[in-house]
């Protein structure tokens, strides 16, 4: 039986503000939409996932007043918004560094002129490119080869049509998870596989579809965040891979 996907607004704002403050920034409420607040909450949870993987966390590009500026729309350049960097130092001296971004365009794996904007994305360090188009407009995007994973965030209950539609997005952006066993997937590897995240849970049929698709393709269908722990980093049995 589906359960409500909604959560108290004040509780969400308090959690977001606490997270940014603990990490050295400040949060100013600049959205009235619950879907935006849920996106910010999921963004923060992705950062927390890397902290649990023993990455050191660093805020980048704070505003002059110390505010962490979330990117709440598809418009705007990377340079005008804040983001997090996560780094891990290996025993051999190698440093792995990734960035977590909000609402940045992702380049198609099949066509360099097709883009999809992910709610949350993880990429290699310094790999968000800003270019000037022939029209004179500038835009920021992540090249396909530099994308590690991404998250589609839905403040709703899951249903079969949107679940099946996510397979098409993964096919366009990270086809290795759809076409053939070209990646080793486990439960405790470095990066979460592409994921669609719901605040609520679905009907019995929707839950069955979610389980079958995530098992078949290796991506994640994360649901019920407002019903259970409400934290991606606290959930067990999520698909992950080594990049």
C-alpha atoms as a PDB file:
ATOM      1  CA  UNK A   1       0.000   0.000   0.000  1.00  0.00           C
ATOM      2  CA  UNK A   2       1.368   3.436  -0.940  1.00  0.00           C
ATOM      3  CA  UNK A   3       2.193   5.772   1.914  1.00  0.00           C
ATOM      4  CA  UNK A   4       2.363   9.548   1.940  1.00  0.00           C
ATOM      5  CA  UNK A   5       5.451  11.085   0.289  1.00  0.00           C
ATOM      6  CA  UNK A   6       5.146  14.348   2.202  1.00  0.00           C
ATOM      7  CA  UNK A   7       7.224  15.593   5.085  1.00  0.00           C
ATOM      8  CA  UNK A   8       7.043  18.585   7.417  1.00  0.00           C
ATOM      9  CA  UNK A   9       8.563  21.675   5.762  1.00  0.00           C
ATOM     10  CA  UNK A  10      10.099  23.013   8.977  1.00  0.00           C
ATOM     11  CA  UNK A  11      11.832  19.691   9.629  1.00  0.00           C
ATOM     12  CA  UNK A  12      13.347  19.698   6.139  1.00  0.00           C
ATOM     13  CA  UNK A  13      14.601  23.282   6.432  1.00  0.00           C
ATOM     14  CA  UNK A  14      16.148  22.564   9.825  1.00  0.00           C
ATOM     15  CA  UNK A  15      18.040  19.526   8.500  1.00  0.00           C
ATOM     16  CA  UNK A  16      19.348  21.376   5.429  1.00  0.00           C
ATOM     17  CA  UNK A  17      20.469  24.377   7.471  1.00  0.00           C
ATOM     18  CA  UNK A  18      22.191  22.150  10.043  1.00  0.00           C
ATOM     19  CA  UNK A  19      24.066  20.263   7.327  1.00  0.00           C
ATOM     20  CA  UNK A  20      25.453  23.357   5.607  1.00  0.00           C
ATOM     21  CA  UNK A  21      26.415  24.957   8.928  1.00  0.00           C
ATOM     22  CA  UNK A  22      28.307  21.854  10.092  1.00  0.00           C
ATOM     23  CA  UNK A  23      30.280  21.907   6.858  1.00  0.00           C
ATOM     24  CA  UNK A  24      31.336  25.544   7.105  1.00  0.00           C
ATOM     25  CA  UNK A  25      28.666  27.408   5.187  1.00  0.00           C
ATOM     26  CA  UNK A  26      25.314  29.070   5.746  1.00  0.00           C
ATOM     27  CA  UNK A  27      21.925  28.271   4.274  1.00  0.00           C
ATOM     28  CA  UNK A  28      19.445  30.874   3.115  1.00  0.00           C
ATOM     29  CA  UNK A  29      15.982  29.669   2.222  1.00  0.00           C
ATOM     30  CA  UNK A  30      15.464  30.626  -1.423  1.00  0.00           C
ATOM     31  CA  UNK A  31      12.687  28.282  -2.453  1.00  0.00           C
ATOM     32  CA  UNK A  32       9.096  27.720  -1.416  1.00  0.00           C
ATOM     33  CA  UNK A  33       8.661  24.436  -3.292  1.00  0.00           C
ATOM     34  CA  UNK A  34       8.801  21.202  -1.312  1.00  0.00           C
ATOM     35  CA  UNK A  35      10.299  19.463  -4.349  1.00  0.00           C
ATOM     36  CA  UNK A  36      13.299  21.827  -4.167  1.00  0.00           C
ATOM     37  CA  UNK A  37      13.759  21.131  -0.470  1.00  0.00           C
ATOM     38  CA  UNK A  38      13.639  17.399  -1.134  1.00  0.00           C
ATOM     39  CA  UNK A  39      16.285  17.797  -3.863  1.00  0.00           C
ATOM     40  CA  UNK A  40      18.544  19.657  -1.443  1.00  0.00           C
ATOM     41  CA  UNK A  41      18.007  16.963   1.169  1.00  0.00           C
ATOM     42  CA  UNK A  42      18.971  14.218  -1.289  1.00  0.00           C
ATOM     43  CA  UNK A  43      21.975  16.252  -2.481  1.00  0.00           C
ATOM     44  CA  UNK A  44      23.186  16.461   1.123  1.00  0.00           C
ATOM     45  CA  UNK A  45      22.657  12.731   1.591  1.00  0.00           C
ATOM     46  CA  UNK A  46      24.874  11.980  -1.417  1.00  0.00           C
ATOM     47  CA  UNK A  47      27.637  14.035   0.201  1.00  0.00           C
ATOM     48  CA  UNK A  48      27.095  12.131   3.467  1.00  0.00           C
ATOM     49  CA  UNK A  49      27.419   8.853   1.539  1.00  0.00           C
ATOM     50  CA  UNK A  50      30.987   9.790   0.582  1.00  0.00           C
ATOM     51  CA  UNK A  51      31.772  10.856   4.118  1.00  0.00           C
ATOM     52  CA  UNK A  52      30.730   7.379   5.264  1.00  0.00           C
ATOM     53  CA  UNK A  53      33.111   5.976   2.646  1.00  0.00           C
ATOM     54  CA  UNK A  54      35.926   7.825   4.467  1.00  0.00           C
ATOM     55  CA  UNK A  55      36.231  10.681   1.986  1.00  0.00           C
ATOM     56  CA  UNK A  56      37.128  14.101   3.358  1.00  0.00           C
ATOM     57  CA  UNK A  57      34.483  16.694   2.489  1.00  0.00           C
ATOM     58  CA  UNK A  58      35.100  20.264   1.356  1.00  0.00           C
ATOM     59  CA  UNK A  59      32.699  23.053   0.404  1.00  0.00           C
ATOM     60  CA  UNK A  60      33.581  24.836  -2.842  1.00  0.00           C
ATOM     61  CA  UNK A  61      32.521  28.203  -4.214  1.00  0.00           C
ATOM     62  CA  UNK A  62      30.687  29.677  -1.239  1.00  0.00           C
ATOM     63  CA  UNK A  63      29.130  33.062  -1.883  1.00  0.00           C
ATOM     64  CA  UNK A  64      30.818  36.220  -0.533  1.00  0.00           C
ATOM     65  CA  UNK A  65      28.580  36.209   2.547  1.00  0.00           C
ATOM     66  CA  UNK A  66      29.443  32.567   3.297  1.00  0.00           C
ATOM     67  CA  UNK A  67      26.178  31.202   1.922  1.00  0.00           C
ATOM     68  CA  UNK A  68      26.068  27.773   0.287  1.00  0.00           C
ATOM     69  CA  UNK A  69      24.045  28.452  -2.859  1.00  0.00           C
ATOM     70  CA  UNK A  70      22.138  25.415  -4.122  1.00  0.00           C
ATOM     71  CA  UNK A  71      21.358  25.343  -7.851  1.00  0.00           C
ATOM     72  CA  UNK A  72      17.584  25.037  -7.909  1.00  0.00           C
ATOM     73  CA  UNK A  73      16.965  25.218 -11.655  1.00  0.00           C
ATOM     74  CA  UNK A  74      18.459  23.980 -14.908  1.00  0.00           C
ATOM     75  CA  UNK A  75      19.530  27.527 -15.804  1.00  0.00           C
ATOM     76  CA  UNK A  76      22.799  29.104 -14.685  1.00  0.00           C
ATOM     77  CA  UNK A  77      26.514  28.388 -14.863  1.00  0.00           C
ATOM     78  CA  UNK A  78      28.490  26.172 -12.505  1.00  0.00           C
ATOM     79  CA  UNK A  79      30.647  29.153 -11.506  1.00  0.00           C
ATOM     80  CA  UNK A  80      27.675  30.880  -9.865  1.00  0.00           C
ATOM     81  CA  UNK A  81      26.734  28.084  -7.469  1.00  0.00           C
ATOM     82  CA  UNK A  82      28.257  26.126  -4.598  1.00  0.00           C
ATOM     83  CA  UNK A  83      29.126  22.436  -4.580  1.00  0.00           C
ATOM     84  CA  UNK A  84      30.978  19.822  -2.526  1.00  0.00           C
ATOM     85  CA  UNK A  85      34.227  18.023  -3.223  1.00  0.00           C
ATOM     86  CA  UNK A  86      35.036  14.619  -1.698  1.00  0.00           C
ATOM     87  CA  UNK A  87      38.614  13.293  -1.511  1.00  0.00           C
ATOM     88  CA  UNK A  88      40.173  10.042  -0.340  1.00  0.00           C
ATOM     89  CA  UNK A  89      43.911   9.398   0.036  1.00  0.00           C
ATOM     90  CA  UNK A  90      45.020   5.845  -0.735  1.00  0.00           C
ATOM     91  CA  UNK A  91      47.961   4.114   0.949  1.00  0.00           C
ATOM     92  CA  UNK A  92      49.947   4.297  -2.319  1.00  0.00           C
ATOM     93  CA  UNK A  93      49.651   8.076  -2.349  1.00  0.00           C
ATOM     94  CA  UNK A  94      46.918   8.214  -4.974  1.00  0.00           C
ATOM     95  CA  UNK A  95      44.193  10.775  -4.287  1.00  0.00           C
ATOM     96  CA  UNK A  96      40.697  10.149  -5.595  1.00  0.00           C
ATOM     97  CA  UNK A  97      38.673  13.330  -5.865  1.00  0.00           C
ATOM     98  CA  UNK A  98      35.043  13.701  -6.954  1.00  0.00           C
ATOM     99  CA  UNK A  99      32.588  16.583  -7.056  1.00  0.00           C
ATOM    100  CA  UNK A 100      28.870  16.543  -6.200  1.00  0.00           C
ATOM    101  CA  UNK A 101      26.764  18.974  -8.231  1.00  0.00           C
ATOM    102  CA  UNK A 102      23.149  20.085  -8.285  1.00  0.00           C
ATOM    103  CA  UNK A 103      21.143  20.515 -11.523  1.00  0.00           C
ATOM    104  CA  UNK A 104      24.043  20.348 -13.972  1.00  0.00           C
ATOM    105  CA  UNK A 105      23.657  19.116 -17.559  1.00  0.00           C
ATOM    106  CA  UNK A 106      25.012  15.677 -18.428  1.00  0.00           C
ATOM    107  CA  UNK A 107      26.262  14.922 -21.925  1.00  0.00           C
ATOM    108  CA  UNK A 108      24.720  11.940 -23.679  1.00  0.00           C
ATOM    109  CA  UNK A 109      26.958   8.914 -24.053  1.00  0.00           C
ATOM    110  CA  UNK A 110      25.741   8.587 -27.656  1.00  0.00           C
ATOM    111  CA  UNK A 111      25.672  12.159 -28.990  1.00  0.00           C
ATOM    112  CA  UNK A 112      27.786  15.071 -27.755  1.00  0.00           C
ATOM    113  CA  UNK A 113      25.009  17.556 -28.593  1.00  0.00           C
ATOM    114  CA  UNK A 114      22.320  15.905 -26.433  1.00  0.00           C
ATOM    115  CA  UNK A 115      22.082  16.814 -22.744  1.00  0.00           C
ATOM    116  CA  UNK A 116      20.014  15.741 -19.766  1.00  0.00           C
ATOM    117  CA  UNK A 117      19.954  17.727 -16.519  1.00  0.00           C
ATOM    118  CA  UNK A 118      20.310  15.523 -13.452  1.00  0.00           C
ATOM    119  CA  UNK A 119      18.998  16.665 -10.083  1.00  0.00           C
ATOM    120  CA  UNK A 120      22.235  15.484  -8.437  1.00  0.00           C
ATOM    121  CA  UNK A 121      25.388  14.294 -10.187  1.00  0.00           C
ATOM    122  CA  UNK A 122      28.827  13.033  -9.180  1.00  0.00           C
ATOM    123  CA  UNK A 123      31.763  13.581 -11.497  1.00  0.00           C
ATOM    124  CA  UNK A 124      35.538  13.538 -11.587  1.00  0.00           C
ATOM    125  CA  UNK A 125      37.335  16.531 -10.077  1.00  0.00           C
ATOM    126  CA  UNK A 126      37.350  19.687 -12.233  1.00  0.00           C
ATOM    127  CA  UNK A 127      35.248  18.114 -14.956  1.00  0.00           C
ATOM    128  CA  UNK A 128      32.302  20.514 -15.202  1.00  0.00           C
ATOM    129  CA  UNK A 129      32.938  22.395 -18.446  1.00  0.00           C
ATOM    130  CA  UNK A 130      31.510  25.814 -19.296  1.00  0.00           C
ATOM    131  CA  UNK A 131      31.437  26.625 -23.021  1.00  0.00           C
ATOM    132  CA  UNK A 132      30.075  29.326 -25.298  1.00  0.00           C
ATOM    133  CA  UNK A 133      27.654  28.076 -27.924  1.00  0.00           C
ATOM    134  CA  UNK A 134      27.327  29.401 -31.482  1.00  0.00           C
ATOM    135  CA  UNK A 135      24.330  31.430 -30.323  1.00  0.00           C
ATOM    136  CA  UNK A 136      26.572  33.231 -27.853  1.00  0.00           C
ATOM    137  CA  UNK A 137      24.941  31.629 -24.831  1.00  0.00           C
ATOM    138  CA  UNK A 138      27.095  29.827 -22.287  1.00  0.00           C
ATOM    139  CA  UNK A 139      26.244  26.594 -20.514  1.00  0.00           C
ATOM    140  CA  UNK A 140      27.891  24.210 -18.074  1.00  0.00           C
ATOM    141  CA  UNK A 141      27.885  20.442 -18.475  1.00  0.00           C
ATOM    142  CA  UNK A 142      29.670  17.229 -17.525  1.00  0.00           C
ATOM    143  CA  UNK A 143      31.240  15.266 -20.359  1.00  0.00           C
ATOM    144  CA  UNK A 144      30.068  11.674 -20.564  1.00  0.00           C
ATOM    145  CA  UNK A 145      33.472  10.140 -19.779  1.00  0.00           C
ATOM    146  CA  UNK A 146      33.773  12.212 -16.595  1.00  0.00           C
ATOM    147  CA  UNK A 147      30.373  11.308 -15.140  1.00  0.00           C
ATOM    148  CA  UNK A 148      30.473   8.835 -12.250  1.00  0.00           C
ATOM    149  CA  UNK A 149      26.806   8.624 -11.272  1.00  0.00           C
ATOM    150  CA  UNK A 150      23.621  10.676 -11.078  1.00  0.00           C
ATOM    151  CA  UNK A 151      20.329  10.891  -9.186  1.00  0.00           C
ATOM    152  CA  UNK A 152      16.820  11.711 -10.362  1.00  0.00           C
ATOM    153  CA  UNK A 153      14.773  13.026  -7.413  1.00  0.00           C
ATOM    154  CA  UNK A 154      10.982  12.721  -7.189  1.00  0.00           C
ATOM    155  CA  UNK A 155       8.917  14.127  -4.322  1.00  0.00           C
ATOM    156  CA  UNK A 156       6.093  11.636  -4.900  1.00  0.00           C
ATOM    157  CA  UNK A 157       5.129   7.981  -4.729  1.00  0.00           C
ATOM    158  CA  UNK A 158       6.696   5.769  -7.435  1.00  0.00           C
ATOM    159  CA  UNK A 159       4.589   4.360 -10.274  1.00  0.00           C
ATOM    160  CA  UNK A 160       5.507   2.004 -13.154  1.00  0.00           C
ATOM    161  CA  UNK A 161       5.600   4.583 -15.968  1.00  0.00           C
ATOM    162  CA  UNK A 162       8.200   6.814 -14.294  1.00  0.00           C
ATOM    163  CA  UNK A 163      10.223   3.779 -13.208  1.00  0.00           C
ATOM    164  CA  UNK A 164      10.379   2.401 -16.740  1.00  0.00           C
ATOM    165  CA  UNK A 165      11.119   5.878 -18.093  1.00  0.00           C
ATOM    166  CA  UNK A 166      14.214   6.084 -15.875  1.00  0.00           C
ATOM    167  CA  UNK A 167      15.656   3.105 -17.749  1.00  0.00           C
ATOM    168  CA  UNK A 168      15.639   5.265 -20.879  1.00  0.00           C
ATOM    169  CA  UNK A 169      17.544   8.046 -19.108  1.00  0.00           C
ATOM    170  CA  UNK A 170      20.177   5.591 -17.896  1.00  0.00           C
ATOM    171  CA  UNK A 171      20.434   4.139 -21.413  1.00  0.00           C
ATOM    172  CA  UNK A 172      21.138   7.603 -22.820  1.00  0.00           C
ATOM    173  CA  UNK A 173      23.544   8.814 -20.125  1.00  0.00           C
ATOM    174  CA  UNK A 174      25.201   5.682 -18.633  1.00  0.00           C
ATOM    175  CA  UNK A 175      24.371   2.851 -21.072  1.00  0.00           C
ATOM    176  CA  UNK A 176      26.893   0.482 -19.522  1.00  0.00           C
ATOM    177  CA  UNK A 177      24.264  -0.233 -16.839  1.00  0.00           C
ATOM    178  CA  UNK A 178      21.681  -1.249 -19.439  1.00  0.00           C
ATOM    179  CA  UNK A 179      23.688  -2.892 -22.221  1.00  0.00           C
ATOM    180  CA  UNK A 180      25.706  -5.893 -21.127  1.00  0.00           C
ATOM    181  CA  UNK A 181      27.615  -6.735 -17.924  1.00  0.00           C
ATOM    182  CA  UNK A 182      30.398  -4.201 -18.557  1.00  0.00           C
ATOM    183  CA  UNK A 183      30.623  -3.124 -14.924  1.00  0.00           C
ATOM    184  CA  UNK A 184      31.096  -5.023 -11.679  1.00  0.00           C
ATOM    185  CA  UNK A 185      28.246  -4.211  -9.313  1.00  0.00           C
ATOM    186  CA  UNK A 186      28.353  -4.926  -5.602  1.00  0.00           C
ATOM    187  CA  UNK A 187      26.784  -3.693  -2.413  1.00  0.00           C
ATOM    188  CA  UNK A 188      29.814  -2.088  -0.794  1.00  0.00           C
ATOM    189  CA  UNK A 189      31.779  -0.530  -3.640  1.00  0.00           C
ATOM    190  CA  UNK A 190      32.848   3.105  -3.992  1.00  0.00           C
ATOM    191  CA  UNK A 191      30.016   4.799  -5.879  1.00  0.00           C
ATOM    192  CA  UNK A 192      26.270   4.325  -5.967  1.00  0.00           C
ATOM    193  CA  UNK A 193      25.001   3.365  -9.399  1.00  0.00           C
ATOM    194  CA  UNK A 194      22.554   5.781 -11.121  1.00  0.00           C
ATOM    195  CA  UNK A 195      19.510   6.136  -8.910  1.00  0.00           C
ATOM    196  CA  UNK A 196      15.969   7.421  -8.950  1.00  0.00           C
ATOM    197  CA  UNK A 197      14.869   8.587  -5.505  1.00  0.00           C
ATOM    198  CA  UNK A 198      11.284   8.873  -4.254  1.00  0.00           C
ATOM    199  CA  UNK A 199      10.064  10.434  -1.037  1.00  0.00           C
ATOM    200  CA  UNK A 200       7.147   7.985  -0.839  1.00  0.00           C
ATOM    201  CA  UNK A 201       6.505   4.321  -1.516  1.00  0.00           C
ATOM    202  CA  UNK A 202       4.293   2.830  -4.221  1.00  0.00           C
ATOM    203  CA  UNK A 203       1.590   0.254  -4.672  1.00  0.00           C
ATOM    204  CA  UNK A 204       2.406  -3.447  -4.499  1.00  0.00           C
ATOM    205  CA  UNK A 205       2.784  -3.559  -8.281  1.00  0.00           C
ATOM    206  CA  UNK A 206       5.012  -0.450  -8.354  1.00  0.00           C
ATOM    207  CA  UNK A 207       7.246  -1.956  -5.679  1.00  0.00           C
ATOM    208  CA  UNK A 208       7.548  -5.183  -7.700  1.00  0.00           C
ATOM    209  CA  UNK A 209       8.473  -3.193 -10.834  1.00  0.00           C
ATOM    210  CA  UNK A 210      11.075  -1.229  -8.854  1.00  0.00           C
ATOM    211  CA  UNK A 211      12.695  -4.408  -7.522  1.00  0.00           C
ATOM    212  CA  UNK A 212      12.769  -6.140 -10.898  1.00  0.00           C
ATOM    213  CA  UNK A 213      14.232  -3.177 -12.790  1.00  0.00           C
ATOM    214  CA  UNK A 214      16.934  -2.474 -10.199  1.00  0.00           C
ATOM    215  CA  UNK A 215      17.907  -6.153 -10.151  1.00  0.00           C
ATOM    216  CA  UNK A 216      17.936  -6.406 -13.947  1.00  0.00           C
ATOM    217  CA  UNK A 217      19.951  -3.266 -14.675  1.00  0.00           C
ATOM    218  CA  UNK A 218      21.873  -2.615 -11.482  1.00  0.00           C
ATOM    219  CA  UNK A 219      20.667   0.925 -10.939  1.00  0.00           C
ATOM    220  CA  UNK A 220      18.856   1.926  -7.755  1.00  0.00           C
ATOM    221  CA  UNK A 221      15.205   2.697  -7.132  1.00  0.00           C
ATOM    222  CA  UNK A 222      15.282   4.324  -3.708  1.00  0.00           C
ATOM    223  CA  UNK A 223      11.871   4.943  -2.228  1.00  0.00           C
ATOM    224  CA  UNK A 224      10.199   5.716   1.053  1.00  0.00           C
ATOM    225  CA  UNK A 225      12.791   8.216   2.303  1.00  0.00           C
ATOM    226  CA  UNK A 226      10.105  10.060   4.272  1.00  0.00           C
ATOM    227  CA  UNK A 227       8.713   6.828   5.681  1.00  0.00           C
ATOM    228  CA  UNK A 228      11.825   5.052   6.946  1.00  0.00           C
ATOM    229  CA  UNK A 229      15.184   6.570   7.918  1.00  0.00           C
ATOM    230  CA  UNK A 230      14.964   9.311   5.329  1.00  0.00           C
ATOM    231  CA  UNK A 231      18.684   9.064   4.558  1.00  0.00           C
ATOM    232  CA  UNK A 232      20.277   7.537   1.479  1.00  0.00           C
ATOM    233  CA  UNK A 233      23.565   6.968   3.282  1.00  0.00           C
ATOM    234  CA  UNK A 234      21.774   4.970   5.985  1.00  0.00           C
ATOM    235  CA  UNK A 235      20.057   2.530   3.629  1.00  0.00           C
ATOM    236  CA  UNK A 236      21.371  -0.983   3.070  1.00  0.00           C
ATOM    237  CA  UNK A 237      21.616  -3.163  -0.038  1.00  0.00           C
ATOM    238  CA  UNK A 238      22.005  -0.385  -2.604  1.00  0.00           C
ATOM    239  CA  UNK A 239      23.755  -1.168  -5.872  1.00  0.00           C
ATOM    240  CA  UNK A 240      27.211   0.386  -6.138  1.00  0.00           C
ATOM    241  CA  UNK A 241      30.282   0.035  -8.357  1.00  0.00           C
ATOM    242  CA  UNK A 242      33.950   1.004  -8.490  1.00  0.00           C
ATOM    243  CA  UNK A 243      33.656   3.554 -11.295  1.00  0.00           C
END
